Amino acid sequence: MKILVDMNLSPQWVNFLTNMDIEAVHWNNIGSASAPDAVIMEYAKANDYTILTHDLDFSAILAVSRTNKPSVIQLRTSNISPESSADLVIRTIRKLSSDIEKGAIVTVDDNKIRLHFLPL
């Protein structure tokens, strides 16, 4: 699985993910910081990335488009720093990897993990 870290998350996420053998890249290494979410989604879909984000707009776009890719992991914890949330995110990726690869929205918060299969 390849993770595309959205602009609203620290580039440090890439280090935490790659240190756990999860391929990852931050959007600022690929495209413009001002790129609209639709451009990020198209890139992720075309290049088989799952988007890791703190933004809820990606779910809305997926709901309207009714597509099954790209998968999105929404980080909704009270502290979105990798130092605080990386263990939870990495455990979630490992636990749900087959579902994520098929097409899903995964919401990770302080109390639970929610999985919604795509298309919505």
PDB file of N, CA and C in Angstrom:
ATOM      1  N   MET A   1       0.839  -1.171   0.000  1.00  0.00           N
ATOM      2  CA  MET A   1       0.000   0.000   0.000  1.00  0.00           C
ATOM      3  C   MET A   1       0.890   1.243   0.000  1.00  0.00           C
ATOM      4  N   LYS A   2       0.452   2.236  -0.765  1.00  0.00           N
ATOM      5  CA  LYS A   2       1.174   3.499  -0.844  1.00  0.00           C
ATOM      6  C   LYS A   2       0.283   4.593  -0.250  1.00  0.00           C
ATOM      7  N   ILE A   3       0.892   5.416   0.599  1.00  0.00           N
ATOM      8  CA  ILE A   3       0.153   6.479   1.275  1.00  0.00           C
ATOM      9  C   ILE A   3       0.597   7.835   0.741  1.00  0.00           C
ATOM     10  N   LEU A   4      -0.375   8.657   0.377  1.00  0.00           N
ATOM     11  CA  LEU A   4      -0.140  10.043  -0.019  1.00  0.00           C
ATOM     12  C   LEU A   4      -0.607  10.922   1.135  1.00  0.00           C
ATOM     13  N   VAL A   5       0.333  11.589   1.796  1.00  0.00           N
ATOM     14  CA  VAL A   5       0.016  12.425   2.951  1.00  0.00           C
ATOM     15  C   VAL A   5      -0.401  13.800   2.444  1.00  0.00           C
ATOM     16  N   ASP A   6      -1.578  14.218   2.849  1.00  0.00           N
ATOM     17  CA  ASP A   6      -2.155  15.490   2.407  1.00  0.00           C
ATOM     18  C   ASP A   6      -1.401  16.667   3.016  1.00  0.00           C
ATOM     19  N   MET A   7      -1.567  17.833   2.401  1.00  0.00           N
ATOM     20  CA  MET A   7      -0.898  19.061   2.837  1.00  0.00           C
ATOM     21  C   MET A   7      -1.266  19.465   4.263  1.00  0.00           C
ATOM     22  N   ASN A   8      -2.430  19.071   4.730  1.00  0.00           N
ATOM     23  CA  ASN A   8      -2.847  19.497   6.069  1.00  0.00           C
ATOM     24  C   ASN A   8      -2.222  18.661   7.184  1.00  0.00           C
ATOM     25  N   LEU A   9      -1.364  17.734   6.824  1.00  0.00           N
ATOM     26  CA  LEU A   9      -0.620  16.949   7.802  1.00  0.00           C
ATOM     27  C   LEU A   9       0.875  17.190   7.617  1.00  0.00           C
ATOM     28  N   SER A  10       1.592  17.071   8.691  1.00  0.00           N
ATOM     29  CA  SER A  10       3.031  17.316   8.692  1.00  0.00           C
ATOM     30  C   SER A  10       3.770  16.359   7.752  1.00  0.00           C
ATOM     31  N   PRO A  11       4.787  16.863   7.057  1.00  0.00           N
ATOM     32  CA  PRO A  11       5.633  15.968   6.266  1.00  0.00           C
ATOM     33  C   PRO A  11       6.321  14.899   7.109  1.00  0.00           C
ATOM     34  N   GLN A  12       6.395  15.094   8.422  1.00  0.00           N
ATOM     35  CA  GLN A  12       6.993  14.101   9.307  1.00  0.00           C
ATOM     36  C   GLN A  12       6.232  12.777   9.283  1.00  0.00           C
ATOM     37  N   TRP A  13       4.971  12.810   8.867  1.00  0.00           N
ATOM     38  CA  TRP A  13       4.210  11.570   8.741  1.00  0.00           C
ATOM     39  C   TRP A  13       4.932  10.579   7.818  1.00  0.00           C
ATOM     40  N   VAL A  14       5.563  11.103   6.781  1.00  0.00           N
ATOM     41  CA  VAL A  14       6.257  10.229   5.829  1.00  0.00           C
ATOM     42  C   VAL A  14       7.337   9.422   6.547  1.00  0.00           C
ATOM     43  N   ASN A  15       8.104  10.065   7.406  1.00  0.00           N
ATOM     44  CA  ASN A  15       9.155   9.355   8.144  1.00  0.00           C
ATOM     45  C   ASN A  15       8.583   8.256   9.024  1.00  0.00           C
ATOM     46  N   PHE A  16       7.514   8.568   9.742  1.00  0.00           N
ATOM     47  CA  PHE A  16       6.912   7.571  10.629  1.00  0.00           C
ATOM     48  C   PHE A  16       6.388   6.376   9.838  1.00  0.00           C
ATOM     49  N   LEU A  17       5.755   6.640   8.712  1.00  0.00           N
ATOM     50  CA  LEU A  17       5.208   5.552   7.901  1.00  0.00           C
ATOM     51  C   LEU A  17       6.306   4.723   7.247  1.00  0.00           C
ATOM     52  N   THR A  18       7.273   5.388   6.638  1.00  0.00           N
ATOM     53  CA  THR A  18       8.332   4.641   5.955  1.00  0.00           C
ATOM     54  C   THR A  18       9.192   3.861   6.937  1.00  0.00           C
ATOM     55  N   ASN A  19       9.351   4.359   8.147  1.00  0.00           N
ATOM     56  CA  ASN A  19      10.093   3.612   9.169  1.00  0.00           C
ATOM     57  C   ASN A  19       9.381   2.326   9.559  1.00  0.00           C
ATOM     58  N   MET A  20       8.101   2.245   9.261  1.00  0.00           N
ATOM     59  CA  MET A  20       7.331   1.030   9.533  1.00  0.00           C
ATOM     60  C   MET A  20       7.050   0.252   8.239  1.00  0.00           C
ATOM     61  N   ASP A  21       7.874   0.496   7.222  1.00  0.00           N
ATOM     62  CA  ASP A  21       7.792  -0.207   5.932  1.00  0.00           C
ATOM     63  C   ASP A  21       6.488   0.044   5.181  1.00  0.00           C
ATOM     64  N   ILE A  22       5.955   1.248   5.320  1.00  0.00           N
ATOM     65  CA  ILE A  22       4.789   1.660   4.553  1.00  0.00           C
ATOM     66  C   ILE A  22       5.260   2.759   3.610  1.00  0.00           C
ATOM     67  N   GLU A  23       5.124   2.522   2.312  1.00  0.00           N
ATOM     68  CA  GLU A  23       5.562   3.512   1.330  1.00  0.00           C
ATOM     69  C   GLU A  23       4.700   4.766   1.463  1.00  0.00           C
ATOM     70  N   ALA A  24       5.346   5.927   1.547  1.00  0.00           N
ATOM     71  CA  ALA A  24       4.603   7.169   1.750  1.00  0.00           C
ATOM     72  C   ALA A  24       5.328   8.343   1.104  1.00  0.00           C
ATOM     73  N   VAL A  25       4.542   9.318   0.679  1.00  0.00           N
ATOM     74  CA  VAL A  25       5.061  10.567   0.131  1.00  0.00           C
ATOM     75  C   VAL A  25       4.125  11.688   0.559  1.00  0.00           C
ATOM     76  N   HIS A  26       4.685  12.856   0.795  1.00  0.00           N
ATOM     77  CA  HIS A  26       3.882  14.033   1.145  1.00  0.00           C
ATOM     78  C   HIS A  26       3.539  14.775  -0.134  1.00  0.00           C
ATOM     79  N   TRP A  27       2.322  15.311  -0.206  1.00  0.00           N
ATOM     80  CA  TRP A  27       1.877  15.991  -1.421  1.00  0.00           C
ATOM     81  C   TRP A  27       2.836  17.111  -1.836  1.00  0.00           C
ATOM     82  N   ASN A  28       3.463  17.792  -0.895  1.00  0.00           N
ATOM     83  CA  ASN A  28       4.351  18.896  -1.273  1.00  0.00           C
ATOM     84  C   ASN A  28       5.562  18.422  -2.062  1.00  0.00           C
ATOM     85  N   ASN A  29       5.830  17.126  -2.095  1.00  0.00           N
ATOM     86  CA  ASN A  29       6.910  16.581  -2.914  1.00  0.00           C
ATOM     87  C   ASN A  29       6.440  16.180  -4.306  1.00  0.00           C
ATOM     88  N   ILE A  30       5.139  16.288  -4.541  1.00  0.00           N
ATOM     89  CA  ILE A  30       4.553  15.855  -5.810  1.00  0.00           C
ATOM     90  C   ILE A  30       3.925  17.018  -6.570  1.00  0.00           C
ATOM     91  N   GLY A  31       3.129  17.804  -5.853  1.00  0.00           N
ATOM     92  CA  GLY A  31       2.346  18.837  -6.528  1.00  0.00           C
ATOM     93  C   GLY A  31       2.335  20.143  -5.765  1.00  0.00           C
ATOM     94  N   SER A  32       1.555  21.042  -6.265  1.00  0.00           N
ATOM     95  CA  SER A  32       1.438  22.383  -5.706  1.00  0.00           C
ATOM     96  C   SER A  32       0.702  22.369  -4.377  1.00  0.00           C
ATOM     97  N   ALA A  33       1.203  23.165  -3.437  1.00  0.00           N
ATOM     98  CA  ALA A  33       0.546  23.282  -2.133  1.00  0.00           C
ATOM     99  C   ALA A  33      -0.858  23.847  -2.264  1.00  0.00           C
ATOM    100  N   SER A  34      -1.122  24.574  -3.324  1.00  0.00           N
ATOM    101  CA  SER A  34      -2.441  25.174  -3.505  1.00  0.00           C
ATOM    102  C   SER A  34      -3.353  24.348  -4.419  1.00  0.00           C
ATOM    103  N   ALA A  35      -2.932  23.136  -4.752  1.00  0.00           N
ATOM    104  CA  ALA A  35      -3.743  22.283  -5.622  1.00  0.00           C
ATOM    105  C   ALA A  35      -5.077  21.965  -4.957  1.00  0.00           C
ATOM    106  N   PRO A  36      -6.156  22.007  -5.713  1.00  0.00           N
ATOM    107  CA  PRO A  36      -7.451  21.631  -5.153  1.00  0.00           C
ATOM    108  C   PRO A  36      -7.498  20.135  -4.816  1.00  0.00           C
ATOM    109  N   ASP A  37      -8.382  19.793  -3.900  1.00  0.00           N
ATOM    110  CA  ASP A  37      -8.508  18.394  -3.478  1.00  0.00           C
ATOM    111  C   ASP A  37      -8.782  17.464  -4.651  1.00  0.00           C
ATOM    112  N   ALA A  38      -9.534  17.935  -5.629  1.00  0.00           N
ATOM    113  CA  ALA A  38      -9.851  17.091  -6.784  1.00  0.00           C
ATOM    114  C   ALA A  38      -8.581  16.687  -7.540  1.00  0.00           C
ATOM    115  N   VAL A  39      -7.601  17.569  -7.620  1.00  0.00           N
ATOM    116  CA  VAL A  39      -6.340  17.261  -8.297  1.00  0.00           C
ATOM    117  C   VAL A  39      -5.572  16.207  -7.493  1.00  0.00           C
ATOM    118  N   ILE A  40      -5.555  16.370  -6.191  1.00  0.00           N
ATOM    119  CA  ILE A  40      -4.876  15.399  -5.322  1.00  0.00           C
ATOM    120  C   ILE A  40      -5.538  14.034  -5.456  1.00  0.00           C
ATOM    121  N   MET A  41      -6.852  14.029  -5.487  1.00  0.00           N
ATOM    122  CA  MET A  41      -7.573  12.755  -5.625  1.00  0.00           C
ATOM    123  C   MET A  41      -7.286  12.088  -6.964  1.00  0.00           C
ATOM    124  N   GLU A  42      -7.272  12.863  -8.026  1.00  0.00           N
ATOM    125  CA  GLU A  42      -6.986  12.282  -9.342  1.00  0.00           C
ATOM    126  C   GLU A  42      -5.588  11.688  -9.386  1.00  0.00           C
ATOM    127  N   TYR A  43      -4.621  12.386  -8.796  1.00  0.00           N
ATOM    128  CA  TYR A  43      -3.261  11.860  -8.749  1.00  0.00           C
ATOM    129  C   TYR A  43      -3.220  10.558  -7.955  1.00  0.00           C
ATOM    130  N   ALA A  44      -3.866  10.555  -6.794  1.00  0.00           N
ATOM    131  CA  ALA A  44      -3.883   9.358  -5.954  1.00  0.00           C
ATOM    132  C   ALA A  44      -4.536   8.186  -6.686  1.00  0.00           C
ATOM    133  N   LYS A  45      -5.628   8.452  -7.347  1.00  0.00           N
ATOM    134  CA  LYS A  45      -6.331   7.395  -8.074  1.00  0.00           C
ATOM    135  C   LYS A  45      -5.473   6.852  -9.220  1.00  0.00           C
ATOM    136  N   ALA A  46      -4.863   7.743  -9.981  1.00  0.00           N
ATOM    137  CA  ALA A  46      -4.064   7.332 -11.138  1.00  0.00           C
ATOM    138  C   ALA A  46      -2.797   6.585 -10.740  1.00  0.00           C
ATOM    139  N   ASN A  47      -2.307   6.854  -9.536  1.00  0.00           N
ATOM    140  CA  ASN A  47      -1.039   6.270  -9.106  1.00  0.00           C
ATOM    141  C   ASN A  47      -1.192   5.288  -7.947  1.00  0.00           C
ATOM    142  N   ASP A  48      -2.424   4.879  -7.682  1.00  0.00           N
ATOM    143  CA  ASP A  48      -2.748   3.856  -6.692  1.00  0.00           C
ATOM    144  C   ASP A  48      -2.273   4.206  -5.279  1.00  0.00           C
ATOM    145  N   TYR A  49      -2.538   5.451  -4.866  1.00  0.00           N
ATOM    146  CA  TYR A  49      -2.244   5.888  -3.509  1.00  0.00           C
ATOM    147  C   TYR A  49      -3.521   5.908  -2.679  1.00  0.00           C
ATOM    148  N   THR A  50      -3.369   5.699  -1.387  1.00  0.00           N
ATOM    149  CA  THR A  50      -4.403   5.973  -0.398  1.00  0.00           C
ATOM    150  C   THR A  50      -4.051   7.312   0.229  1.00  0.00           C
ATOM    151  N   ILE A  51      -5.030   8.178   0.384  1.00  0.00           N
ATOM    152  CA  ILE A  51      -4.783   9.513   0.930  1.00  0.00           C
ATOM    153  C   ILE A  51      -4.944   9.482   2.441  1.00  0.00           C
ATOM    154  N   LEU A  52      -3.947  10.003   3.144  1.00  0.00           N
ATOM    155  CA  LEU A  52      -4.023  10.221   4.587  1.00  0.00           C
ATOM    156  C   LEU A  52      -4.235  11.710   4.788  1.00  0.00           C
ATOM    157  N   THR A  53      -5.314  12.084   5.465  1.00  0.00           N
ATOM    158  CA  THR A  53      -5.694  13.484   5.567  1.00  0.00           C
ATOM    159  C   THR A  53      -6.389  13.789   6.884  1.00  0.00           C
ATOM    160  N   HIS A  54      -6.474  15.067   7.173  1.00  0.00           N
ATOM    161  CA  HIS A  54      -7.272  15.569   8.295  1.00  0.00           C
ATOM    162  C   HIS A  54      -8.521  16.282   7.753  1.00  0.00           C
ATOM    163  N   ASP A  55      -8.642  16.311   6.457  1.00  0.00           N
ATOM    164  CA  ASP A  55      -9.665  17.057   5.728  1.00  0.00           C
ATOM    165  C   ASP A  55     -10.878  16.160   5.443  1.00  0.00           C
ATOM    166  N   LEU A  56     -12.067  16.676   5.673  1.00  0.00           N
ATOM    167  CA  LEU A  56     -13.287  15.911   5.395  1.00  0.00           C
ATOM    168  C   LEU A  56     -13.767  16.065   3.957  1.00  0.00           C
ATOM    169  N   ASP A  57     -13.166  16.979   3.208  1.00  0.00           N
ATOM    170  CA  ASP A  57     -13.612  17.228   1.834  1.00  0.00           C
ATOM    171  C   ASP A  57     -13.437  16.014   0.920  1.00  0.00           C
ATOM    172  N   PHE A  58     -12.429  15.214   1.169  1.00  0.00           N
ATOM    173  CA  PHE A  58     -12.202  14.046   0.312  1.00  0.00           C
ATOM    174  C   PHE A  58     -13.380  13.076   0.379  1.00  0.00           C
ATOM    175  N   SER A  59     -13.931  12.889   1.556  1.00  0.00           N
ATOM    176  CA  SER A  59     -15.103  12.011   1.697  1.00  0.00           C
ATOM    177  C   SER A  59     -16.290  12.570   0.943  1.00  0.00           C
ATOM    178  N   ALA A  60     -16.467  13.871   1.005  1.00  0.00           N
ATOM    179  CA  ALA A  60     -17.574  14.505   0.288  1.00  0.00           C
ATOM    180  C   ALA A  60     -17.418  14.321  -1.221  1.00  0.00           C
ATOM    181  N   ILE A  61     -16.207  14.487  -1.714  1.00  0.00           N
ATOM    182  CA  ILE A  61     -15.962  14.291  -3.149  1.00  0.00           C
ATOM    183  C   ILE A  61     -16.245  12.845  -3.545  1.00  0.00           C
ATOM    184  N   LEU A  62     -15.822  11.898  -2.726  1.00  0.00           N
ATOM    185  CA  LEU A  62     -16.084  10.489  -3.022  1.00  0.00           C
ATOM    186  C   LEU A  62     -17.576  10.176  -3.001  1.00  0.00           C
ATOM    187  N   ALA A  63     -18.294  10.795  -2.086  1.00  0.00           N
ATOM    188  CA  ALA A  63     -19.739  10.557  -2.008  1.00  0.00           C
ATOM    189  C   ALA A  63     -20.443  11.046  -3.264  1.00  0.00           C
ATOM    190  N   VAL A  64     -20.052  12.204  -3.743  1.00  0.00           N
ATOM    191  CA  VAL A  64     -20.680  12.778  -4.935  1.00  0.00           C
ATOM    192  C   VAL A  64     -20.271  12.015  -6.193  1.00  0.00           C
ATOM    193  N   SER A  65     -18.997  11.640  -6.267  1.00  0.00           N
ATOM    194  CA  SER A  65     -18.496  10.986  -7.480  1.00  0.00           C
ATOM    195  C   SER A  65     -18.867   9.515  -7.569  1.00  0.00           C
ATOM    196  N   ARG A  66     -19.173   8.908  -6.415  1.00  0.00           N
ATOM    197  CA  ARG A  66     -19.554   7.497  -6.346  1.00  0.00           C
ATOM    198  C   ARG A  66     -18.504   6.570  -6.959  1.00  0.00           C
ATOM    199  N   THR A  67     -17.228   6.910  -6.777  1.00  0.00           N
ATOM    200  CA  THR A  67     -16.150   6.065  -7.266  1.00  0.00           C
ATOM    201  C   THR A  67     -15.621   5.191  -6.128  1.00  0.00           C
ATOM    202  N   ASN A  68     -14.831   4.195  -6.483  1.00  0.00           N
ATOM    203  CA  ASN A  68     -14.306   3.302  -5.452  1.00  0.00           C
ATOM    204  C   ASN A  68     -12.828   3.537  -5.160  1.00  0.00           C
ATOM    205  N   LYS A  69     -12.242   4.546  -5.751  1.00  0.00           N
ATOM    206  CA  LYS A  69     -10.842   4.895  -5.512  1.00  0.00           C
ATOM    207  C   LYS A  69     -10.689   6.400  -5.637  1.00  0.00           C
ATOM    208  N   PRO A  70      -9.757   6.999  -4.973  1.00  0.00           N
ATOM    209  CA  PRO A  70      -8.792   6.414  -4.064  1.00  0.00           C
ATOM    210  C   PRO A  70      -9.396   6.196  -2.681  1.00  0.00           C
ATOM    211  N   SER A  71      -8.808   5.312  -1.937  1.00  0.00           N
ATOM    212  CA  SER A  71      -9.200   5.166  -0.541  1.00  0.00           C
ATOM    213  C   SER A  71      -8.676   6.367   0.236  1.00  0.00           C
ATOM    214  N   VAL A  72      -9.363   6.655   1.341  1.00  0.00           N
ATOM    215  CA  VAL A  72      -9.000   7.795   2.172  1.00  0.00           C
ATOM    216  C   VAL A  72      -8.978   7.357   3.632  1.00  0.00           C
ATOM    217  N   ILE A  73      -7.917   7.752   4.324  1.00  0.00           N
ATOM    218  CA  ILE A  73      -7.842   7.577   5.772  1.00  0.00           C
ATOM    219  C   ILE A  73      -7.935   8.961   6.373  1.00  0.00           C
ATOM    220  N   GLN A  74      -9.021   9.198   7.100  1.00  0.00           N
ATOM    221  CA  GLN A  74      -9.263  10.496   7.733  1.00  0.00           C
ATOM    222  C   GLN A  74      -8.786  10.437   9.174  1.00  0.00           C
ATOM    223  N   LEU A  75      -7.828  11.256   9.491  1.00  0.00           N
ATOM    224  CA  LEU A  75      -7.309  11.323  10.853  1.00  0.00           C
ATOM    225  C   LEU A  75      -8.103  12.385  11.605  1.00  0.00           C
ATOM    226  N   ARG A  76      -8.889  11.956  12.581  1.00  0.00           N
ATOM    227  CA  ARG A  76      -9.761  12.868  13.321  1.00  0.00           C
ATOM    228  C   ARG A  76      -9.464  12.819  14.819  1.00  0.00           C
ATOM    229  N   THR A  77      -8.235  12.475  15.174  1.00  0.00           N
ATOM    230  CA  THR A  77      -7.841  12.433  16.577  1.00  0.00           C
ATOM    231  C   THR A  77      -7.665  13.847  17.112  1.00  0.00           C
ATOM    232  N   SER A  78      -7.660  13.988  18.419  1.00  0.00           N
ATOM    233  CA  SER A  78      -7.509  15.314  19.027  1.00  0.00           C
ATOM    234  C   SER A  78      -6.118  15.891  18.780  1.00  0.00           C
ATOM    235  N   ASN A  79      -5.136  15.033  18.582  1.00  0.00           N
ATOM    236  CA  ASN A  79      -3.778  15.476  18.272  1.00  0.00           C
ATOM    237  C   ASN A  79      -3.347  14.752  17.003  1.00  0.00           C
ATOM    238  N   ILE A  80      -3.166  15.504  15.924  1.00  0.00           N
ATOM    239  CA  ILE A  80      -2.869  14.879  14.627  1.00  0.00           C
ATOM    240  C   ILE A  80      -1.369  14.779  14.333  1.00  0.00           C
ATOM    241  N   SER A  81      -0.544  15.079  15.315  1.00  0.00           N
ATOM    242  CA  SER A  81       0.896  14.956  15.091  1.00  0.00           C
ATOM    243  C   SER A  81       1.259  13.476  14.957  1.00  0.00           C
ATOM    244  N   PRO A  82       2.268  13.179  14.152  1.00  0.00           N
ATOM    245  CA  PRO A  82       2.665  11.772  14.030  1.00  0.00           C
ATOM    246  C   PRO A  82       3.186  11.200  15.349  1.00  0.00           C
ATOM    247  N   GLU A  83       3.798  12.034  16.155  1.00  0.00           N
ATOM    248  CA  GLU A  83       4.289  11.552  17.448  1.00  0.00           C
ATOM    249  C   GLU A  83       3.148  11.029  18.321  1.00  0.00           C
ATOM    250  N   SER A  84       1.993  11.632  18.169  1.00  0.00           N
ATOM    251  CA  SER A  84       0.837  11.252  18.977  1.00  0.00           C
ATOM    252  C   SER A  84      -0.018  10.156  18.334  1.00  0.00           C
ATOM    253  N   SER A  85      -0.171  10.211  17.020  1.00  0.00           N
ATOM    254  CA  SER A  85      -1.171   9.356  16.363  1.00  0.00           C
ATOM    255  C   SER A  85      -0.617   8.288  15.428  1.00  0.00           C
ATOM    256  N   ALA A  86       0.673   8.295  15.162  1.00  0.00           N
ATOM    257  CA  ALA A  86       1.219   7.364  14.163  1.00  0.00           C
ATOM    258  C   ALA A  86       0.990   5.902  14.524  1.00  0.00           C
ATOM    259  N   ASP A  87       1.170   5.534  15.780  1.00  0.00           N
ATOM    260  CA  ASP A  87       0.970   4.125  16.154  1.00  0.00           C
ATOM    261  C   ASP A  87      -0.444   3.662  15.829  1.00  0.00           C
ATOM    262  N   LEU A  88      -1.422   4.499  16.152  1.00  0.00           N
ATOM    263  CA  LEU A  88      -2.815   4.157  15.873  1.00  0.00           C
ATOM    264  C   LEU A  88      -3.062   4.055  14.372  1.00  0.00           C
ATOM    265  N   VAL A  89      -2.548   4.990  13.615  1.00  0.00           N
ATOM    266  CA  VAL A  89      -2.734   4.972  12.159  1.00  0.00           C
ATOM    267  C   VAL A  89      -2.060   3.743  11.549  1.00  0.00           C
ATOM    268  N   ILE A  90      -0.868   3.455  11.960  1.00  0.00           N
ATOM    269  CA  ILE A  90      -0.142   2.306  11.411  1.00  0.00           C
ATOM    270  C   ILE A  90      -0.844   0.990  11.763  1.00  0.00           C
ATOM    271  N   ARG A  91      -1.312   0.859  12.991  1.00  0.00           N
ATOM    272  CA  ARG A  91      -2.080  -0.347  13.363  1.00  0.00           C
ATOM    273  C   ARG A  91      -3.346  -0.464  12.510  1.00  0.00           C
ATOM    274  N   THR A  92      -3.995   0.658  12.270  1.00  0.00           N
ATOM    275  CA  THR A  92      -5.220   0.669  11.458  1.00  0.00           C
ATOM    276  C   THR A  92      -4.919   0.255  10.024  1.00  0.00           C
ATOM    277  N   ILE A  93      -3.862   0.798   9.454  1.00  0.00           N
ATOM    278  CA  ILE A  93      -3.476   0.439   8.083  1.00  0.00           C
ATOM    279  C   ILE A  93      -3.202  -1.060   7.990  1.00  0.00           C
ATOM    280  N   ARG A  94      -2.476  -1.579   8.937  1.00  0.00           N
ATOM    281  CA  ARG A  94      -2.144  -3.012   8.902  1.00  0.00           C
ATOM    282  C   ARG A  94      -3.383  -3.882   9.086  1.00  0.00           C
ATOM    283  N   LYS A  95      -4.252  -3.483   9.988  1.00  0.00           N
ATOM    284  CA  LYS A  95      -5.454  -4.272  10.272  1.00  0.00           C
ATOM    285  C   LYS A  95      -6.432  -4.252   9.099  1.00  0.00           C
ATOM    286  N   LEU A  96      -6.568  -3.102   8.441  1.00  0.00           N
ATOM    287  CA  LEU A  96      -7.584  -2.936   7.404  1.00  0.00           C
ATOM    288  C   LEU A  96      -7.009  -2.858   5.994  1.00  0.00           C
ATOM    289  N   SER A  97      -5.776  -3.263   5.813  1.00  0.00           N
ATOM    290  CA  SER A  97      -5.116  -3.064   4.520  1.00  0.00           C
ATOM    291  C   SER A  97      -5.879  -3.672   3.344  1.00  0.00           C
ATOM    292  N   SER A  98      -6.409  -4.861   3.499  1.00  0.00           N
ATOM    293  CA  SER A  98      -7.132  -5.470   2.365  1.00  0.00           C
ATOM    294  C   SER A  98      -8.401  -4.692   2.039  1.00  0.00           C
ATOM    295  N   ASP A  99      -9.092  -4.186   3.051  1.00  0.00           N
ATOM    296  CA  ASP A  99     -10.288  -3.371   2.811  1.00  0.00           C
ATOM    297  C   ASP A  99      -9.916  -2.038   2.174  1.00  0.00           C
ATOM    298  N   ILE A 100      -8.851  -1.434   2.643  1.00  0.00           N
ATOM    299  CA  ILE A 100      -8.403  -0.152   2.102  1.00  0.00           C
ATOM    300  C   ILE A 100      -7.999  -0.325   0.639  1.00  0.00           C
ATOM    301  N   GLU A 101      -7.317  -1.391   0.318  1.00  0.00           N
ATOM    302  CA  GLU A 101      -6.888  -1.609  -1.058  1.00  0.00           C
ATOM    303  C   GLU A 101      -8.064  -1.840  -1.999  1.00  0.00           C
ATOM    304  N   LYS A 102      -9.184  -2.332  -1.502  1.00  0.00           N
ATOM    305  CA  LYS A 102     -10.379  -2.532  -2.329  1.00  0.00           C
ATOM    306  C   LYS A 102     -11.105  -1.224  -2.585  1.00  0.00           C
ATOM    307  N   GLY A 103     -10.977  -0.260  -1.673  1.00  0.00           N
ATOM    308  CA  GLY A 103     -11.661   1.022  -1.792  1.00  0.00           C
ATOM    309  C   GLY A 103     -12.496   1.290  -0.557  1.00  0.00           C
ATOM    310  N   ALA A 104     -12.029   2.238   0.274  1.00  0.00           N
ATOM    311  CA  ALA A 104     -12.730   2.513   1.528  1.00  0.00           C
ATOM    312  C   ALA A 104     -12.376   3.893   2.053  1.00  0.00           C
ATOM    313  N   ILE A 105     -13.249   4.371   2.915  1.00  0.00           N
ATOM    314  CA  ILE A 105     -12.946   5.537   3.737  1.00  0.00           C
ATOM    315  C   ILE A 105     -12.818   5.013   5.156  1.00  0.00           C
ATOM    316  N   VAL A 106     -11.679   5.299   5.770  1.00  0.00           N
ATOM    317  CA  VAL A 106     -11.430   4.879   7.143  1.00  0.00           C
ATOM    318  C   VAL A 106     -11.272   6.142   7.976  1.00  0.00           C
ATOM    319  N   THR A 107     -12.071   6.254   9.013  1.00  0.00           N
ATOM    320  CA  THR A 107     -11.971   7.395   9.926  1.00  0.00           C
ATOM    321  C   THR A 107     -11.371   6.897  11.225  1.00  0.00           C
ATOM    322  N   VAL A 108     -10.279   7.541  11.618  1.00  0.00           N
ATOM    323  CA  VAL A 108      -9.561   7.171  12.836  1.00  0.00           C
ATOM    324  C   VAL A 108      -9.703   8.322  13.810  1.00  0.00           C
ATOM    325  N   ASP A 109     -10.372   8.067  14.946  1.00  0.00           N
ATOM    326  CA  ASP A 109     -10.441   9.103  15.978  1.00  0.00           C
ATOM    327  C   ASP A 109      -9.973   8.526  17.308  1.00  0.00           C
ATOM    328  N   ASP A 110     -10.074   9.318  18.344  1.00  0.00           N
ATOM    329  CA  ASP A 110      -9.552   8.902  19.644  1.00  0.00           C
ATOM    330  C   ASP A 110     -10.268   7.698  20.236  1.00  0.00           C
ATOM    331  N   ASN A 111     -11.513   7.479  19.840  1.00  0.00           N
ATOM    332  CA  ASN A 111     -12.316   6.444  20.473  1.00  0.00           C
ATOM    333  C   ASN A 111     -12.623   5.225  19.614  1.00  0.00           C
ATOM    334  N   LYS A 112     -12.564   5.389  18.291  1.00  0.00           N
ATOM    335  CA  LYS A 112     -12.936   4.262  17.436  1.00  0.00           C
ATOM    336  C   LYS A 112     -12.410   4.457  16.027  1.00  0.00           C
ATOM    337  N   ILE A 113     -12.535   3.392  15.264  1.00  0.00           N
ATOM    338  CA  ILE A 113     -12.177   3.389  13.847  1.00  0.00           C
ATOM    339  C   ILE A 113     -13.431   3.009  13.090  1.00  0.00           C
ATOM    340  N   ARG A 114     -13.762   3.808  12.080  1.00  0.00           N
ATOM    341  CA  ARG A 114     -14.934   3.529  11.275  1.00  0.00           C
ATOM    342  C   ARG A 114     -14.493   3.217   9.841  1.00  0.00           C
ATOM    343  N   LEU A 115     -15.122   2.221   9.245  1.00  0.00           N
ATOM    344  CA  LEU A 115     -14.804   1.790   7.896  1.00  0.00           C
ATOM    345  C   LEU A 115     -16.067   1.874   7.044  1.00  0.00           C
ATOM    346  N   HIS A 116     -15.946   2.541   5.889  1.00  0.00           N
ATOM    347  CA  HIS A 116     -17.042   2.626   4.925  1.00  0.00           C
ATOM    348  C   HIS A 116     -16.479   2.197   3.575  1.00  0.00           C
ATOM    349  N   PHE A 117     -17.085   1.195   2.985  1.00  0.00           N
ATOM    350  CA  PHE A 117     -16.630   0.722   1.681  1.00  0.00           C
ATOM    351  C   PHE A 117     -17.090   1.680   0.587  1.00  0.00           C
ATOM    352  N   LEU A 118     -16.260   1.794  -0.438  1.00  0.00           N
ATOM    353  CA  LEU A 118     -16.588   2.614  -1.605  1.00  0.00           C
ATOM    354  C   LEU A 118     -17.139   1.728  -2.693  1.00  0.00           C
ATOM    355  N   PRO A 119     -18.003   2.253  -3.558  1.00  0.00           N
ATOM    356  CA  PRO A 119     -18.529   3.610  -3.526  1.00  0.00           C
ATOM    357  C   PRO A 119     -19.568   3.780  -2.431  1.00  0.00           C
ATOM    358  N   LEU A 120     -19.720   5.043  -1.996  1.00  0.00           N
ATOM    359  CA  LEU A 120     -20.694   5.348  -0.945  1.00  0.00           C
ATOM    360  C   LEU A 120     -22.095   5.344  -1.502  1.00  0.00           C
TER     361      LEU A 120
END
